[in-house]
Structures are given as C-alpha cells and as structure tokens.
N, C-alpha and C. Protein backbone atom coordinates (compact mmCIF):
# COMPACT_ATOMS: atom_id res chain seq x y z
N MET A 1 -38.59 44.43 -0.24
CA MET A 1 -39.03 43.94 -1.52
C MET A 1 -37.97 44.18 -2.60
N HIS A 2 -37.40 45.40 -2.63
CA HIS A 2 -36.38 45.70 -3.63
C HIS A 2 -35.09 44.93 -3.37
N LEU A 3 -34.81 44.66 -2.12
CA LEU A 3 -33.61 43.88 -1.79
C LEU A 3 -33.70 42.48 -2.36
N ARG A 4 -34.89 41.89 -2.35
CA ARG A 4 -35.07 40.54 -2.88
C ARG A 4 -34.70 40.53 -4.37
N VAL A 5 -35.11 41.51 -5.10
CA VAL A 5 -34.80 41.60 -6.52
C VAL A 5 -33.29 41.72 -6.73
N LEU A 6 -32.62 42.44 -5.87
CA LEU A 6 -31.18 42.61 -5.99
C LEU A 6 -30.41 41.34 -5.66
N PHE A 7 -30.91 40.56 -4.71
CA PHE A 7 -30.17 39.40 -4.25
C PHE A 7 -30.47 38.11 -5.01
N LEU A 8 -31.58 38.03 -5.72
CA LEU A 8 -31.89 36.80 -6.44
C LEU A 8 -30.83 36.44 -7.47
N PRO A 9 -30.33 37.39 -8.28
CA PRO A 9 -29.24 37.02 -9.20
C PRO A 9 -27.99 36.55 -8.48
N LEU A 10 -27.70 37.13 -7.32
CA LEU A 10 -26.53 36.70 -6.55
C LEU A 10 -26.71 35.28 -6.04
N LEU A 11 -27.90 34.96 -5.60
CA LEU A 11 -28.17 33.60 -5.12
C LEU A 11 -28.03 32.60 -6.26
N ALA A 12 -28.52 32.95 -7.43
CA ALA A 12 -28.40 32.06 -8.59
C ALA A 12 -26.94 31.82 -8.94
N ALA A 13 -26.13 32.86 -8.85
CA ALA A 13 -24.70 32.74 -9.17
C ALA A 13 -23.98 31.85 -8.17
N CYS A 14 -24.50 31.76 -6.95
CA CYS A 14 -23.87 30.95 -5.91
C CYS A 14 -24.37 29.52 -5.89
N ALA A 15 -25.37 29.22 -6.71
CA ALA A 15 -25.93 27.87 -6.73
C ALA A 15 -24.86 26.89 -7.21
N PRO A 16 -24.84 25.69 -6.66
CA PRO A 16 -23.84 24.71 -7.10
C PRO A 16 -24.06 24.33 -8.55
N ALA A 17 -22.96 24.07 -9.25
CA ALA A 17 -23.05 23.64 -10.64
C ALA A 17 -23.73 22.28 -10.72
N LEU A 18 -24.48 22.09 -11.78
CA LEU A 18 -25.12 20.80 -11.99
C LEU A 18 -24.06 19.76 -12.34
N GLU A 19 -24.27 18.56 -11.90
CA GLU A 19 -23.37 17.47 -12.28
C GLU A 19 -23.85 16.88 -13.59
N GLY A 20 -22.97 16.84 -14.56
CA GLY A 20 -23.32 16.33 -15.87
C GLY A 20 -23.24 14.81 -15.94
N ASP A 21 -24.07 14.23 -16.78
CA ASP A 21 -24.12 12.79 -17.04
C ASP A 21 -23.63 12.59 -18.47
N ALA A 22 -22.42 12.08 -18.62
CA ALA A 22 -21.82 11.92 -19.94
C ALA A 22 -22.64 11.02 -20.85
N ALA A 23 -23.24 9.97 -20.30
CA ALA A 23 -24.06 9.07 -21.11
C ALA A 23 -25.26 9.80 -21.69
N ALA A 24 -25.87 10.66 -20.90
CA ALA A 24 -27.01 11.44 -21.38
C ALA A 24 -26.55 12.51 -22.37
N GLY A 25 -25.31 12.96 -22.25
CA GLY A 25 -24.80 14.00 -23.13
C GLY A 25 -24.47 13.53 -24.53
N GLY A 26 -24.25 12.23 -24.73
CA GLY A 26 -23.91 11.70 -26.05
C GLY A 26 -24.96 12.03 -27.10
N PRO A 27 -26.23 11.69 -26.86
CA PRO A 27 -27.26 12.01 -27.84
C PRO A 27 -27.45 13.52 -28.05
N ILE A 28 -27.25 14.29 -27.00
CA ILE A 28 -27.35 15.75 -27.12
C ILE A 28 -26.24 16.27 -28.03
N PHE A 29 -25.03 15.74 -27.85
CA PHE A 29 -23.90 16.11 -28.70
C PHE A 29 -24.20 15.73 -30.15
N ALA A 30 -24.69 14.52 -30.36
CA ALA A 30 -24.97 14.05 -31.72
C ALA A 30 -25.98 14.95 -32.42
N THR A 31 -26.98 15.40 -31.71
CA THR A 31 -28.04 16.23 -32.29
C THR A 31 -27.63 17.68 -32.47
N ASN A 32 -26.89 18.24 -31.52
CA ASN A 32 -26.65 19.68 -31.50
C ASN A 32 -25.23 20.12 -31.83
N CYS A 33 -24.26 19.23 -31.74
CA CYS A 33 -22.86 19.65 -31.82
C CYS A 33 -22.08 19.00 -32.95
N SER A 34 -22.43 17.77 -33.29
CA SER A 34 -21.60 17.01 -34.23
C SER A 34 -21.59 17.59 -35.63
N SER A 35 -22.62 18.33 -36.01
CA SER A 35 -22.63 18.90 -37.36
C SER A 35 -21.49 19.90 -37.55
N CYS A 36 -21.05 20.54 -36.50
CA CYS A 36 -19.93 21.48 -36.59
C CYS A 36 -18.61 20.89 -36.07
N HIS A 37 -18.70 20.12 -34.99
CA HIS A 37 -17.48 19.61 -34.35
C HIS A 37 -17.13 18.19 -34.80
N GLY A 38 -17.98 17.56 -35.61
CA GLY A 38 -17.75 16.20 -36.07
C GLY A 38 -18.19 15.19 -35.04
N ALA A 39 -18.69 14.06 -35.50
CA ALA A 39 -19.14 13.01 -34.59
C ALA A 39 -17.99 12.51 -33.72
N ASP A 40 -16.77 12.57 -34.27
CA ASP A 40 -15.60 12.11 -33.52
C ASP A 40 -14.87 13.27 -32.82
N GLY A 41 -15.47 14.48 -32.86
CA GLY A 41 -14.91 15.62 -32.16
C GLY A 41 -13.70 16.26 -32.83
N THR A 42 -13.34 15.79 -34.03
CA THR A 42 -12.13 16.32 -34.67
C THR A 42 -12.35 17.61 -35.44
N GLY A 43 -13.57 18.10 -35.46
CA GLY A 43 -13.84 19.39 -36.06
C GLY A 43 -14.44 19.28 -37.44
N GLY A 44 -14.73 20.40 -37.99
CA GLY A 44 -15.34 20.57 -39.30
C GLY A 44 -15.46 22.06 -39.49
N SER A 45 -16.68 22.57 -39.51
CA SER A 45 -16.84 24.02 -39.53
C SER A 45 -16.54 24.62 -38.15
N GLY A 46 -16.59 23.78 -37.11
CA GLY A 46 -16.20 24.19 -35.76
C GLY A 46 -14.86 23.56 -35.42
N PRO A 47 -14.21 24.02 -34.38
CA PRO A 47 -12.88 23.50 -34.03
C PRO A 47 -12.92 22.08 -33.47
N SER A 48 -11.79 21.44 -33.54
CA SER A 48 -11.63 20.12 -32.92
C SER A 48 -11.77 20.25 -31.41
N LEU A 49 -12.41 19.26 -30.81
CA LEU A 49 -12.54 19.20 -29.36
C LEU A 49 -11.55 18.21 -28.76
N VAL A 50 -10.90 17.45 -29.62
CA VAL A 50 -9.96 16.43 -29.18
C VAL A 50 -8.75 17.12 -28.55
N ASP A 51 -8.40 16.67 -27.37
CA ASP A 51 -7.26 17.20 -26.63
C ASP A 51 -7.42 18.67 -26.27
N SER A 52 -8.66 19.15 -26.19
CA SER A 52 -8.91 20.52 -25.75
C SER A 52 -8.35 20.68 -24.33
N THR A 53 -7.95 21.87 -24.01
CA THR A 53 -7.44 22.14 -22.67
C THR A 53 -8.51 22.77 -21.78
N TYR A 54 -9.73 22.92 -22.30
CA TYR A 54 -10.80 23.53 -21.51
C TYR A 54 -11.26 22.62 -20.38
N ALA A 55 -11.43 23.21 -19.22
CA ALA A 55 -12.05 22.51 -18.11
C ALA A 55 -13.54 22.38 -18.42
N GLU A 56 -14.18 21.41 -17.80
CA GLU A 56 -15.61 21.17 -18.05
C GLU A 56 -16.45 22.43 -17.78
N ALA A 57 -16.10 23.20 -16.77
CA ALA A 57 -16.84 24.43 -16.45
C ALA A 57 -16.73 25.44 -17.60
N LYS A 58 -15.59 25.50 -18.26
CA LYS A 58 -15.42 26.41 -19.40
C LYS A 58 -16.29 25.94 -20.56
N THR A 59 -16.39 24.65 -20.77
CA THR A 59 -17.25 24.12 -21.82
C THR A 59 -18.70 24.49 -21.54
N VAL A 60 -19.12 24.37 -20.29
CA VAL A 60 -20.48 24.77 -19.91
C VAL A 60 -20.70 26.23 -20.27
N ASP A 61 -19.75 27.09 -19.94
CA ASP A 61 -19.87 28.51 -20.23
C ASP A 61 -19.99 28.77 -21.73
N ILE A 62 -19.16 28.12 -22.53
CA ILE A 62 -19.17 28.34 -23.98
C ILE A 62 -20.47 27.83 -24.59
N VAL A 63 -20.93 26.65 -24.19
CA VAL A 63 -22.18 26.11 -24.73
C VAL A 63 -23.35 26.99 -24.30
N THR A 64 -23.32 27.48 -23.08
CA THR A 64 -24.41 28.32 -22.58
C THR A 64 -24.46 29.67 -23.29
N ASN A 65 -23.32 30.34 -23.37
CA ASN A 65 -23.28 31.73 -23.82
C ASN A 65 -22.76 31.95 -25.23
N GLY A 66 -22.21 30.90 -25.84
CA GLY A 66 -21.61 31.06 -27.16
C GLY A 66 -20.22 31.65 -27.05
N ASP A 67 -19.49 31.63 -28.17
CA ASP A 67 -18.12 32.16 -28.19
C ASP A 67 -17.69 32.29 -29.65
N GLY A 68 -17.47 33.50 -30.11
CA GLY A 68 -17.08 33.69 -31.51
C GLY A 68 -18.19 33.21 -32.43
N ASP A 69 -17.87 32.28 -33.32
CA ASP A 69 -18.86 31.73 -34.26
C ASP A 69 -19.81 30.73 -33.62
N MET A 70 -19.47 30.28 -32.43
CA MET A 70 -20.32 29.28 -31.74
C MET A 70 -21.54 29.98 -31.15
N PRO A 71 -22.74 29.50 -31.52
CA PRO A 71 -23.95 30.12 -30.96
C PRO A 71 -24.17 29.69 -29.51
N ALA A 72 -24.92 30.51 -28.80
CA ALA A 72 -25.33 30.16 -27.43
C ALA A 72 -26.47 29.15 -27.50
N PHE A 73 -26.43 28.17 -26.62
CA PHE A 73 -27.48 27.16 -26.58
C PHE A 73 -28.38 27.31 -25.35
N SER A 74 -28.21 28.40 -24.61
CA SER A 74 -29.02 28.58 -23.40
C SER A 74 -30.50 28.67 -23.70
N GLY A 75 -30.86 29.09 -24.90
CA GLY A 75 -32.27 29.19 -25.26
C GLY A 75 -32.88 27.91 -25.78
N SER A 76 -32.03 26.94 -26.13
CA SER A 76 -32.56 25.71 -26.72
C SER A 76 -32.26 24.46 -25.91
N LEU A 77 -31.28 24.53 -25.02
CA LEU A 77 -30.97 23.38 -24.15
C LEU A 77 -31.16 23.80 -22.70
N SER A 78 -31.60 22.87 -21.88
CA SER A 78 -31.73 23.13 -20.45
C SER A 78 -30.35 23.18 -19.80
N ASP A 79 -30.29 23.71 -18.60
CA ASP A 79 -29.02 23.72 -17.86
C ASP A 79 -28.50 22.30 -17.68
N GLN A 80 -29.40 21.35 -17.44
CA GLN A 80 -28.97 19.96 -17.26
C GLN A 80 -28.44 19.39 -18.56
N ASP A 81 -29.11 19.68 -19.69
CA ASP A 81 -28.61 19.22 -20.99
C ASP A 81 -27.20 19.76 -21.26
N ILE A 82 -26.99 21.03 -20.94
CA ILE A 82 -25.67 21.64 -21.16
C ILE A 82 -24.62 20.98 -20.27
N ALA A 83 -24.97 20.72 -19.02
CA ALA A 83 -24.03 20.03 -18.11
C ALA A 83 -23.73 18.63 -18.64
N ASP A 84 -24.75 17.96 -19.16
CA ASP A 84 -24.56 16.60 -19.69
C ASP A 84 -23.66 16.60 -20.92
N VAL A 85 -23.88 17.52 -21.85
CA VAL A 85 -23.05 17.54 -23.06
C VAL A 85 -21.61 17.95 -22.71
N ALA A 86 -21.44 18.82 -21.73
CA ALA A 86 -20.08 19.20 -21.31
C ALA A 86 -19.37 18.00 -20.69
N ALA A 87 -20.09 17.20 -19.91
CA ALA A 87 -19.50 15.99 -19.33
C ALA A 87 -19.12 15.01 -20.43
N TYR A 88 -19.97 14.88 -21.44
CA TYR A 88 -19.69 13.99 -22.57
C TYR A 88 -18.43 14.45 -23.31
N VAL A 89 -18.34 15.73 -23.60
CA VAL A 89 -17.16 16.27 -24.29
C VAL A 89 -15.91 16.01 -23.45
N ASP A 90 -16.02 16.22 -22.15
CA ASP A 90 -14.86 16.04 -21.28
C ASP A 90 -14.37 14.59 -21.28
N VAL A 91 -15.25 13.64 -21.09
CA VAL A 91 -14.80 12.24 -20.98
C VAL A 91 -14.55 11.59 -22.33
N THR A 92 -15.10 12.14 -23.40
CA THR A 92 -14.94 11.54 -24.72
C THR A 92 -13.77 12.12 -25.49
N PHE A 93 -13.57 13.43 -25.39
CA PHE A 93 -12.57 14.09 -26.22
C PHE A 93 -11.43 14.72 -25.43
N VAL A 94 -11.72 15.32 -24.30
CA VAL A 94 -10.70 16.07 -23.55
C VAL A 94 -9.86 15.15 -22.67
N ASN A 95 -10.52 14.32 -21.89
CA ASN A 95 -9.83 13.41 -20.97
C ASN A 95 -10.34 11.99 -21.15
N PRO A 96 -10.12 11.43 -22.33
CA PRO A 96 -10.66 10.06 -22.58
C PRO A 96 -10.00 8.99 -21.74
C-alpha cells in the first residue's frame, strides 16, 4: 500500500506529454496571455515571445509553474489547455 503512494508520482512523471493543438491555443492565449505578452507576442508588461529560443516543453513548464513575474497557470488552466497554448506560442511566435 505504501509503495503505491511512492510510485504514483513517478508514474505521472513518466506519462507522455500531451500533444498541443495550436488552433485551440489561440483563444486561450488571447484570454490569458495577451494582456502581458501582447496580442502579437511582442511583449508589454511581459517579455516578447517573438523569436524566443524556448522549446515547446520549456513553455509548458513556464506556463504551468510560473517563472519570475509570470504566474503559474496550473490552477486555472488544464494540462491540455497549457499544451495547446504552448503549441500556439511555438507555431505563431517562436517558429512561424
């Protein structure tokens, strides 16, 4: 019984990453991100996302857990929403 408790977090960490849908991520970005990063991703109170060197997985981590002034969105967005917005950022601003 105690072993199950110990191994569940390890199993979750080994789960495959969700595949993001950039089209679904657009509205999520508009609602949750554009006020700081700008609708065109060039920044504002948050940094520019244009030509970022972050891999999509790093964007997922930052959106999930926050970074510096950026708040964590793990409490307000689902894992799928976060994967979708990361895919949107990647195809729209990082690797257009």
